[in-house]
N, C-alpha and C. Protein backbone atom coordinates (compact mmCIF):
# COMPACT_ATOMS: atom_id res chain seq x y z
N MET A 1 -67.30 222.06 260.54
CA MET A 1 -66.75 221.58 261.78
C MET A 1 -66.91 220.05 261.90
N LYS A 2 -68.08 219.56 261.49
CA LYS A 2 -68.31 218.12 261.56
C LYS A 2 -67.37 217.37 260.63
N LYS A 3 -67.09 217.97 259.47
CA LYS A 3 -66.17 217.33 258.53
C LYS A 3 -64.77 217.24 259.11
N ARG A 4 -64.34 218.28 259.82
CA ARG A 4 -63.00 218.27 260.41
C ARG A 4 -62.88 217.20 261.50
N ILE A 5 -63.90 217.10 262.31
CA ILE A 5 -63.89 216.08 263.37
C ILE A 5 -63.88 214.69 262.74
N PHE A 6 -64.69 214.50 261.72
CA PHE A 6 -64.74 213.22 261.03
C PHE A 6 -63.37 212.88 260.42
N LEU A 7 -62.75 213.85 259.76
CA LEU A 7 -61.43 213.63 259.17
C LEU A 7 -60.37 213.35 260.25
N LEU A 8 -60.47 214.03 261.38
CA LEU A 8 -59.54 213.80 262.47
C LEU A 8 -59.68 212.37 263.02
N ILE A 9 -60.91 211.91 263.16
CA ILE A 9 -61.14 210.54 263.63
C ILE A 9 -60.58 209.53 262.64
N ILE A 10 -60.83 209.75 261.36
CA ILE A 10 -60.31 208.85 260.33
C ILE A 10 -58.78 208.84 260.36
N LEU A 11 -58.17 210.00 260.50
CA LEU A 11 -56.71 210.10 260.55
C LEU A 11 -56.15 209.33 261.76
N ILE A 12 -56.77 209.49 262.90
CA ILE A 12 -56.32 208.78 264.11
C ILE A 12 -56.45 207.27 263.92
N MET A 13 -57.55 206.85 263.34
CA MET A 13 -57.75 205.42 263.11
C MET A 13 -56.71 204.86 262.15
N LEU A 14 -56.41 205.60 261.10
CA LEU A 14 -55.41 205.13 260.13
C LEU A 14 -54.02 205.06 260.76
N LEU A 15 -53.68 206.06 261.55
CA LEU A 15 -52.36 206.05 262.18
C LEU A 15 -52.24 204.95 263.23
N SER A 16 -53.32 204.65 263.92
CA SER A 16 -53.25 203.60 264.94
C SER A 16 -53.11 202.22 264.32
N CYS A 17 -53.51 202.07 263.06
CA CYS A 17 -53.35 200.78 262.38
C CYS A 17 -51.89 200.45 262.11
N SER A 18 -51.05 201.45 262.12
CA SER A 18 -49.64 201.22 261.80
C SER A 18 -48.81 200.83 263.02
N LEU A 19 -49.43 200.76 264.20
CA LEU A 19 -48.68 200.36 265.39
C LEU A 19 -48.24 198.91 265.27
N ASP A 20 -47.03 198.65 265.71
CA ASP A 20 -46.49 197.30 265.68
C ASP A 20 -46.92 196.56 266.93
N ARG A 21 -47.87 195.65 266.77
CA ARG A 21 -48.39 194.91 267.92
C ARG A 21 -48.37 193.42 267.62
N SER A 22 -48.05 192.63 268.64
CA SER A 22 -48.11 191.18 268.48
C SER A 22 -49.49 190.65 268.85
N ASN A 23 -50.26 191.44 269.60
CA ASN A 23 -51.62 191.07 269.98
C ASN A 23 -52.46 192.33 269.94
N LEU A 24 -53.24 192.49 268.90
CA LEU A 24 -54.01 193.71 268.71
C LEU A 24 -55.07 193.93 269.77
N LEU A 25 -55.52 192.88 270.43
CA LEU A 25 -56.57 193.01 271.43
C LEU A 25 -56.03 193.20 272.85
N ASP A 26 -54.74 193.26 273.01
CA ASP A 26 -54.13 193.37 274.32
C ASP A 26 -54.11 194.82 274.78
N PRO A 27 -54.83 195.17 275.84
CA PRO A 27 -54.85 196.56 276.31
C PRO A 27 -53.59 196.97 277.05
N ASN A 28 -52.73 196.03 277.41
CA ASN A 28 -51.55 196.34 278.20
C ASN A 28 -50.34 196.78 277.38
N GLY A 29 -50.42 196.72 276.09
CA GLY A 29 -49.29 197.14 275.28
C GLY A 29 -48.93 196.12 274.22
N HIS A 30 -48.00 196.50 273.39
CA HIS A 30 -47.64 195.65 272.25
C HIS A 30 -46.49 194.71 272.55
N ASP A 31 -45.93 194.76 273.74
CA ASP A 31 -44.78 193.91 274.03
C ASP A 31 -45.17 192.61 274.74
N ILE A 32 -46.46 192.36 274.88
CA ILE A 32 -46.92 191.15 275.55
C ILE A 32 -47.40 190.16 274.50
N ASN A 33 -46.82 188.99 274.49
CA ASN A 33 -47.19 187.97 273.50
C ASN A 33 -48.16 186.97 274.08
N ILE A 34 -48.99 186.42 273.22
CA ILE A 34 -49.93 185.38 273.62
C ILE A 34 -49.13 184.12 273.94
N PRO A 35 -49.41 183.47 275.07
CA PRO A 35 -48.71 182.21 275.37
C PRO A 35 -48.99 181.18 274.28
N PRO A 36 -48.02 180.32 274.02
CA PRO A 36 -48.19 179.33 272.94
C PRO A 36 -49.20 178.25 273.31
N LEU A 37 -49.64 177.54 272.30
CA LEU A 37 -50.52 176.39 272.48
C LEU A 37 -49.77 175.31 273.24
N VAL A 38 -50.41 174.67 274.20
CA VAL A 38 -49.78 173.62 275.00
C VAL A 38 -49.57 172.39 274.12
N GLU A 39 -48.36 171.86 274.15
CA GLU A 39 -47.98 170.74 273.30
C GLU A 39 -48.15 169.40 274.02
N ASN A 40 -48.51 168.38 273.25
CA ASN A 40 -48.59 166.99 273.72
C ASN A 40 -49.44 166.81 274.97
N PHE A 41 -50.58 167.47 274.99
CA PHE A 41 -51.54 167.28 276.09
C PHE A 41 -52.18 165.91 275.96
N GLN A 42 -52.12 165.12 277.02
CA GLN A 42 -52.70 163.78 276.96
C GLN A 42 -53.29 163.39 278.31
N ILE A 43 -54.30 162.54 278.26
CA ILE A 43 -54.88 161.97 279.46
C ILE A 43 -54.22 160.61 279.66
N ASP A 44 -53.77 160.36 280.89
CA ASP A 44 -53.07 159.13 281.20
C ASP A 44 -54.06 158.05 281.60
N GLY A 45 -53.85 156.85 281.10
CA GLY A 45 -54.73 155.73 281.42
C GLY A 45 -54.70 154.70 280.31
N GLU A 46 -55.66 153.79 280.34
CA GLU A 46 -55.74 152.72 279.34
C GLU A 46 -56.37 153.25 278.06
N GLU A 47 -55.66 153.12 276.94
CA GLU A 47 -56.19 153.57 275.65
C GLU A 47 -57.15 152.52 275.10
N VAL A 48 -58.34 152.96 274.70
CA VAL A 48 -59.38 152.06 274.20
C VAL A 48 -59.78 152.51 272.80
N HIS A 49 -59.80 151.56 271.85
CA HIS A 49 -60.24 151.85 270.48
C HIS A 49 -61.66 151.31 270.32
N SER A 50 -62.56 152.20 269.90
CA SER A 50 -63.96 151.82 269.73
C SER A 50 -64.47 152.44 268.44
N GLY A 51 -64.50 151.65 267.37
CA GLY A 51 -64.94 152.19 266.08
C GLY A 51 -64.00 153.28 265.61
N ASP A 52 -64.54 154.45 265.34
CA ASP A 52 -63.75 155.59 264.88
C ASP A 52 -63.12 156.36 266.03
N TYR A 53 -63.45 156.03 267.25
CA TYR A 53 -63.00 156.81 268.39
C TYR A 53 -61.88 156.11 269.15
N VAL A 54 -61.01 156.93 269.70
CA VAL A 54 -59.98 156.47 270.63
C VAL A 54 -60.17 157.29 271.89
N TYR A 55 -60.32 156.64 273.01
CA TYR A 55 -60.47 157.36 274.26
C TYR A 55 -59.63 156.70 275.34
N ILE A 56 -59.52 157.37 276.45
CA ILE A 56 -58.74 156.88 277.58
C ILE A 56 -59.70 156.49 278.70
N LYS A 57 -59.49 155.30 279.25
CA LYS A 57 -60.30 154.86 280.38
C LYS A 57 -59.58 155.26 281.67
N SER A 58 -60.24 156.07 282.49
CA SER A 58 -59.69 156.50 283.78
C SER A 58 -60.42 155.76 284.89
N THR A 59 -59.69 155.40 285.92
CA THR A 59 -60.29 154.64 287.02
C THR A 59 -60.18 155.41 288.33
N GLY A 60 -61.06 155.05 289.27
CA GLY A 60 -60.98 155.59 290.61
C GLY A 60 -61.55 156.98 290.78
N LYS A 61 -62.50 157.38 289.95
CA LYS A 61 -63.12 158.69 290.03
C LYS A 61 -62.10 159.83 289.97
N SER A 62 -61.02 159.62 289.24
CA SER A 62 -60.04 160.69 289.04
C SER A 62 -59.48 160.57 287.63
N VAL A 63 -59.03 161.70 287.10
CA VAL A 63 -58.48 161.74 285.75
C VAL A 63 -57.09 162.36 285.84
N GLU A 64 -56.09 161.61 285.37
CA GLU A 64 -54.71 162.10 285.36
C GLU A 64 -54.35 162.55 283.96
N MET A 65 -53.68 163.69 283.87
CA MET A 65 -53.28 164.22 282.57
C MET A 65 -51.89 164.82 282.67
N SER A 66 -51.21 164.93 281.53
CA SER A 66 -49.87 165.50 281.49
C SER A 66 -49.67 166.21 280.16
N TRP A 67 -48.63 167.05 280.11
CA TRP A 67 -48.32 167.82 278.91
C TRP A 67 -46.87 168.26 278.95
N ASP A 68 -46.37 168.70 277.80
CA ASP A 68 -45.00 169.21 277.72
C ASP A 68 -44.89 170.51 278.49
N ASN A 69 -43.75 170.71 279.12
CA ASN A 69 -43.57 171.84 280.03
C ASN A 69 -42.26 172.57 279.75
N ASP A 70 -41.84 172.62 278.50
CA ASP A 70 -40.56 173.25 278.18
C ASP A 70 -40.74 174.59 277.47
N VAL A 71 -41.77 175.32 277.85
CA VAL A 71 -42.10 176.58 277.19
C VAL A 71 -41.67 177.74 278.07
N THR A 72 -41.01 178.73 277.47
CA THR A 72 -40.64 179.92 278.22
C THR A 72 -41.77 180.95 278.15
N GLY A 73 -41.84 181.79 279.15
CA GLY A 73 -42.86 182.84 279.17
C GLY A 73 -44.22 182.38 279.65
N VAL A 74 -44.30 181.18 280.21
CA VAL A 74 -45.57 180.65 280.71
C VAL A 74 -45.53 180.67 282.24
N ALA A 75 -46.57 181.27 282.85
CA ALA A 75 -46.65 181.32 284.31
C ALA A 75 -47.46 180.16 284.87
N GLY A 76 -48.37 179.61 284.07
CA GLY A 76 -49.19 178.51 284.55
C GLY A 76 -50.12 177.99 283.48
N TYR A 77 -50.98 177.07 283.89
CA TYR A 77 -51.89 176.40 282.96
C TYR A 77 -53.29 176.34 283.56
N TYR A 78 -54.29 176.55 282.71
CA TYR A 78 -55.69 176.36 283.09
C TYR A 78 -56.16 175.03 282.51
N ILE A 79 -56.86 174.24 283.32
CA ILE A 79 -57.42 172.97 282.87
C ILE A 79 -58.94 173.09 282.93
N TYR A 80 -59.60 172.70 281.82
CA TYR A 80 -61.05 172.81 281.70
C TYR A 80 -61.66 171.44 281.48
N ARG A 81 -62.91 171.27 281.97
CA ARG A 81 -63.63 170.00 281.82
C ARG A 81 -65.05 170.27 281.33
N SER A 82 -65.56 169.34 280.50
CA SER A 82 -66.93 169.42 280.00
C SER A 82 -67.47 168.01 279.86
N MET A 83 -68.79 167.90 279.78
CA MET A 83 -69.41 166.59 279.55
C MET A 83 -69.80 166.42 278.09
N ALA A 84 -69.50 167.41 277.26
CA ALA A 84 -69.76 167.34 275.82
C ALA A 84 -68.62 168.06 275.11
N TYR A 85 -68.20 167.55 273.96
CA TYR A 85 -67.05 168.15 273.28
C TYR A 85 -67.33 169.59 272.87
N ASP A 86 -68.58 169.92 272.58
CA ASP A 86 -68.93 171.29 272.19
C ASP A 86 -69.71 171.99 273.29
N GLY A 87 -69.66 171.46 274.51
CA GLY A 87 -70.40 172.03 275.64
C GLY A 87 -69.61 173.11 276.36
N LEU A 88 -70.14 173.52 277.48
CA LEU A 88 -69.50 174.52 278.32
C LEU A 88 -68.33 173.88 279.07
N TYR A 89 -67.14 174.44 278.91
CA TYR A 89 -65.96 173.95 279.61
C TYR A 89 -65.77 174.77 280.88
N VAL A 90 -65.69 174.08 282.01
CA VAL A 90 -65.57 174.72 283.32
C VAL A 90 -64.13 174.58 283.80
N LEU A 91 -63.60 175.66 284.35
CA LEU A 91 -62.24 175.64 284.89
C LEU A 91 -62.19 174.72 286.11
N VAL A 92 -61.34 173.70 286.06
CA VAL A 92 -61.21 172.76 287.17
C VAL A 92 -59.82 172.77 287.78
N GLY A 93 -58.87 173.42 287.13
CA GLY A 93 -57.51 173.44 287.66
C GLY A 93 -56.74 174.65 287.19
N ASP A 94 -55.85 175.13 288.07
CA ASP A 94 -54.95 176.24 287.76
C ASP A 94 -53.59 175.83 288.29
N GLU A 95 -52.76 175.30 287.39
CA GLU A 95 -51.45 174.78 287.77
C GLU A 95 -50.37 175.79 287.45
N ASN A 96 -49.53 176.11 288.45
CA ASN A 96 -48.40 176.99 288.21
C ASN A 96 -47.36 176.26 287.36
N HIS A 97 -46.64 177.03 286.56
CA HIS A 97 -45.57 176.48 285.73
C HIS A 97 -44.43 176.05 286.65
N ILE A 98 -44.14 174.78 286.67
CA ILE A 98 -43.09 174.24 287.53
C ILE A 98 -41.96 173.74 286.64
N PRO A 99 -40.79 174.40 286.67
CA PRO A 99 -39.67 173.91 285.86
C PRO A 99 -39.35 172.46 286.22
N SER A 100 -39.04 171.68 285.20
CA SER A 100 -38.84 170.25 285.40
C SER A 100 -37.48 169.83 284.85
N ASN A 101 -36.86 168.87 285.53
CA ASN A 101 -35.58 168.32 285.07
C ASN A 101 -35.77 167.07 284.22
N GLU A 102 -37.03 166.66 284.03
CA GLU A 102 -37.30 165.48 283.21
C GLU A 102 -36.90 165.77 281.77
N ASN A 103 -36.69 164.71 281.01
CA ASN A 103 -36.35 164.88 279.61
C ASN A 103 -37.31 164.05 278.77
N PRO A 104 -38.23 164.59 278.02
CA PRO A 104 -38.55 166.03 277.95
C PRO A 104 -39.30 166.47 279.20
N PRO A 105 -39.24 167.77 279.50
CA PRO A 105 -39.93 168.27 280.69
C PRO A 105 -41.44 168.05 280.58
N ARG A 106 -42.06 167.53 281.63
CA ARG A 106 -43.50 167.27 281.65
C ARG A 106 -44.11 167.90 282.89
N GLN A 107 -45.37 168.17 282.81
CA GLN A 107 -46.13 168.62 283.97
C GLN A 107 -47.43 167.84 283.98
N SER A 108 -48.01 167.67 285.17
CA SER A 108 -49.21 166.85 285.26
C SER A 108 -50.23 167.49 286.20
N PHE A 109 -51.46 166.97 286.11
CA PHE A 109 -52.56 167.42 286.95
C PHE A 109 -53.49 166.23 287.16
N ILE A 110 -54.03 166.11 288.36
CA ILE A 110 -55.02 165.06 288.65
C ILE A 110 -56.33 165.74 289.02
N ASP A 111 -57.36 165.45 288.25
CA ASP A 111 -58.70 165.97 288.53
C ASP A 111 -59.44 164.91 289.34
N ASN A 112 -59.56 165.15 290.64
CA ASN A 112 -60.27 164.21 291.51
C ASN A 112 -61.44 164.90 292.20
N ASP A 113 -62.09 165.77 291.47
CA ASP A 113 -63.25 166.52 291.96
C ASP A 113 -64.37 165.55 292.34
N GLU A 114 -65.08 165.86 293.41
CA GLU A 114 -66.19 164.98 293.83
C GLU A 114 -67.35 165.03 292.84
N LEU A 115 -67.34 165.98 291.92
CA LEU A 115 -68.40 166.06 290.91
C LEU A 115 -68.20 165.07 289.76
N ILE A 116 -67.05 164.41 289.72
CA ILE A 116 -66.83 163.40 288.69
C ILE A 116 -67.68 162.17 289.01
N VAL A 117 -68.50 161.79 288.06
CA VAL A 117 -69.43 160.67 288.24
C VAL A 117 -68.90 159.47 287.46
N PRO A 118 -68.81 158.29 288.10
CA PRO A 118 -68.36 157.10 287.37
C PRO A 118 -69.29 156.77 286.22
N ASP A 119 -68.76 156.05 285.25
CA ASP A 119 -69.49 155.66 284.04
C ASP A 119 -70.00 156.87 283.26
N SER A 120 -69.13 157.87 283.13
CA SER A 120 -69.47 159.09 282.40
C SER A 120 -68.31 159.51 281.51
N TRP A 121 -68.65 160.19 280.43
CA TRP A 121 -67.66 160.75 279.51
C TRP A 121 -67.28 162.14 279.99
N TYR A 122 -65.99 162.47 279.86
CA TYR A 122 -65.52 163.82 280.18
C TYR A 122 -64.53 164.26 279.11
N TYR A 123 -64.61 165.52 278.77
CA TYR A 123 -63.73 166.14 277.78
C TYR A 123 -62.88 167.17 278.51
N TYR A 124 -61.60 167.22 278.17
CA TYR A 124 -60.68 168.15 278.81
C TYR A 124 -59.95 168.99 277.76
N LYS A 125 -59.69 170.24 278.14
CA LYS A 125 -58.86 171.14 277.35
C LYS A 125 -57.89 171.82 278.31
N ILE A 126 -56.80 172.34 277.74
CA ILE A 126 -55.81 173.04 278.56
C ILE A 126 -55.32 174.26 277.80
N SER A 127 -54.95 175.30 278.54
CA SER A 127 -54.36 176.49 277.94
C SER A 127 -53.28 177.02 278.87
N ALA A 128 -52.33 177.73 278.31
CA ALA A 128 -51.26 178.35 279.09
C ALA A 128 -51.60 179.82 279.32
N TYR A 129 -51.07 180.39 280.41
CA TYR A 129 -51.21 181.83 280.64
C TYR A 129 -49.86 182.38 281.07
N ASN A 130 -49.66 183.69 280.83
CA ASN A 130 -48.39 184.30 281.19
C ASN A 130 -48.50 185.08 282.50
N ASP A 131 -47.42 185.73 282.91
CA ASP A 131 -47.41 186.43 284.20
C ASP A 131 -48.32 187.65 284.23
N LYS A 132 -48.79 188.12 283.09
CA LYS A 132 -49.74 189.23 283.03
C LYS A 132 -51.18 188.73 283.08
N GLY A 133 -51.37 187.40 283.09
CA GLY A 133 -52.71 186.82 283.13
C GLY A 133 -53.33 186.61 281.77
N LEU A 134 -52.57 186.87 280.70
CA LEU A 134 -53.09 186.69 279.35
C LEU A 134 -53.09 185.21 279.00
N GLU A 135 -54.26 184.70 278.65
CA GLU A 135 -54.43 183.27 278.35
C GLU A 135 -54.24 183.00 276.87
N GLY A 136 -53.55 181.91 276.57
CA GLY A 136 -53.36 181.49 275.18
C GLY A 136 -54.55 180.68 274.70
N TYR A 137 -54.44 180.15 273.49
CA TYR A 137 -55.51 179.34 272.92
C TYR A 137 -55.64 178.03 273.67
N ARG A 138 -56.87 177.52 273.73
CA ARG A 138 -57.11 176.22 274.35
C ARG A 138 -56.74 175.11 273.38
N SER A 139 -56.30 174.00 273.96
CA SER A 139 -55.93 172.84 273.15
C SER A 139 -57.19 172.19 272.57
N ASN A 140 -56.98 171.23 271.68
CA ASN A 140 -58.10 170.39 271.25
C ASN A 140 -58.52 169.54 272.44
N TRP A 141 -59.77 169.10 272.42
CA TRP A 141 -60.27 168.32 273.54
C TRP A 141 -59.68 166.92 273.54
N LYS A 142 -59.61 166.36 274.75
CA LYS A 142 -59.21 164.96 274.96
C LYS A 142 -60.35 164.29 275.72
N LEU A 143 -60.66 163.08 275.32
CA LEU A 143 -61.82 162.36 275.84
C LEU A 143 -61.41 161.26 276.81
N THR A 144 -62.16 161.14 277.90
CA THR A 144 -61.93 160.04 278.84
C THR A 144 -63.26 159.49 279.33
N TRP A 145 -63.25 158.21 279.65
CA TRP A 145 -64.40 157.51 280.25
C TRP A 145 -63.98 157.15 281.66
N VAL A 146 -64.71 157.64 282.65
CA VAL A 146 -64.35 157.42 284.05
C VAL A 146 -65.12 156.22 284.59
N VAL A 147 -64.39 155.25 285.13
CA VAL A 147 -65.02 154.09 285.76
C VAL A 147 -64.60 154.05 287.23
N ASP A 148 -65.43 153.44 288.05
CA ASP A 148 -65.17 153.38 289.49
C ASP A 148 -64.23 152.24 289.83
């Protein structure tokens, strides 16, 4: 009896591997695709070259950023901030996908949280999500130095 149950489990596992899925970890079904990586994410401000690093200087205790917005199937964007490139990234913004007539279409976000401290480094990442709430991969980090 134990052998039959074991064989049945193995058979079910083998048959489930043949399902056509675009996202194997998605519990909602195989017809939901992961949103694409956000393109051309940049922090707006003065570009500063310092040795091997290039960073953006932001002024006024706020950080302005923008990215390409010509992606279909995206419901919105999550914006994350950290004080270290490999640190904990905290969600600071949830921007709805707003169709744009600009060429190329762009979308922007201003982080003016009172927790932003002048004379500090901040790292930002962004990811897209779809109407089912499935989040895509986060972008590479972008670095900014905030001055008052």
